[in-house]
Protein backbone atom coordinates (compact mmCIF):
# COMPACT_ATOMS: atom_id res chain seq x y z
CA UNK A 1 -91.50 -7.60 5.74
CA UNK A 2 -91.41 -3.80 5.69
CA UNK A 3 -90.09 -1.49 3.00
CA UNK A 4 -86.75 -0.92 4.76
CA UNK A 5 -86.09 -4.69 4.86
CA UNK A 6 -86.85 -4.96 1.15
CA UNK A 7 -84.36 -2.17 0.38
CA UNK A 8 -81.71 -3.82 2.57
CA UNK A 9 -82.23 -7.14 0.80
CA UNK A 10 -82.11 -5.48 -2.61
CA UNK A 11 -78.86 -3.69 -1.67
CA UNK A 12 -77.28 -6.95 -0.51
CA UNK A 13 -78.29 -8.76 -3.71
CA UNK A 14 -76.97 -5.93 -5.89
CA UNK A 15 -73.65 -5.82 -4.02
CA UNK A 16 -73.33 -9.61 -4.33
CA UNK A 17 -73.87 -9.45 -8.08
CA UNK A 18 -71.25 -6.69 -8.41
CA UNK A 19 -68.85 -8.86 -6.38
CA UNK A 20 -69.43 -11.81 -8.71
CA UNK A 21 -68.83 -9.63 -11.78
CA UNK A 22 -65.64 -8.26 -10.20
CA UNK A 23 -64.35 -11.77 -9.50
CA UNK A 24 -65.18 -12.87 -13.05
CA UNK A 25 -63.24 -9.90 -14.41
CA UNK A 26 -60.25 -10.61 -12.18
CA UNK A 27 -60.13 -14.30 -13.11
CA UNK A 28 -60.87 -13.73 -16.80
CA UNK A 29 -63.56 -16.39 -16.97
CA UNK A 30 -66.17 -15.97 -19.72
CA UNK A 31 -64.29 -13.06 -21.31
CA UNK A 32 -63.00 -12.87 -24.86
CA UNK A 33 -59.25 -12.90 -25.36
CA UNK A 34 -59.23 -9.38 -26.80
CA UNK A 35 -59.93 -7.75 -23.41
CA UNK A 36 -56.66 -6.21 -22.17
CA UNK A 37 -55.31 -7.52 -18.89
CA UNK A 38 -54.73 -4.13 -17.30
CA UNK A 39 -58.35 -3.17 -18.02
CA UNK A 40 -59.64 -6.42 -16.54
CA UNK A 41 -57.55 -6.12 -13.37
CA UNK A 42 -58.35 -2.45 -12.78
CA UNK A 43 -62.08 -2.75 -13.37
CA UNK A 44 -62.31 -6.08 -11.53
CA UNK A 45 -60.44 -4.71 -8.52
CA UNK A 46 -62.56 -1.57 -8.34
CA UNK A 47 -65.79 -3.55 -8.64
CA UNK A 48 -64.69 -6.05 -6.00
CA UNK A 49 -63.64 -3.31 -3.58
CA UNK A 50 -66.89 -1.41 -4.14
CA UNK A 51 -68.97 -4.55 -3.59
CA UNK A 52 -67.15 -5.34 -0.34
CA UNK A 53 -67.71 -1.76 0.80
CA UNK A 54 -71.43 -1.95 -0.01
CA UNK A 55 -71.81 -5.30 1.76
CA UNK A 56 -70.04 -3.89 4.81
CA UNK A 57 -72.23 -0.80 4.86
CA UNK A 58 -75.38 -2.91 4.48
CA UNK A 59 -74.36 -5.12 7.41
CA UNK A 60 -73.47 -2.09 9.55
CA UNK A 61 -76.79 -0.41 8.74
CA UNK A 62 -78.67 -3.61 9.55
CA UNK A 63 -76.88 -3.96 12.90
CA UNK A 64 -77.46 -0.29 13.75
CA UNK A 65 -81.14 -0.60 12.89
CA UNK A 66 -81.34 -3.76 14.99
CA UNK A 67 -79.82 -1.92 17.95
CA UNK A 68 -82.33 0.92 17.51
CA UNK A 69 -85.21 -1.59 17.46
CA UNK A 70 -83.93 -3.23 20.66
CA UNK A 71 -83.65 0.09 22.51
CA UNK A 72 -87.18 1.04 21.41
CA UNK A 73 -88.50 -2.30 22.74
CA UNK A 74 -86.79 -1.76 26.13
CA UNK A 75 -88.37 1.65 26.59
CA UNK A 76 -91.91 0.35 26.04
């Protein structure tokens, strides 16, 4: 496992945790009743959208890197 794979895995784990936090905020689970609804929905939506963006970018980068590895193998 090379350094780039470790960074990709770390990015995917971080994005997954942000997604979980965003979903928890949107659903209101494990939050005290004093947290305003508009704050929860705004922050939860932004965190969920950001996490989905990061997961998509990680997958795209992984696929692009996989294509580059395949083309390098063909040329050898």
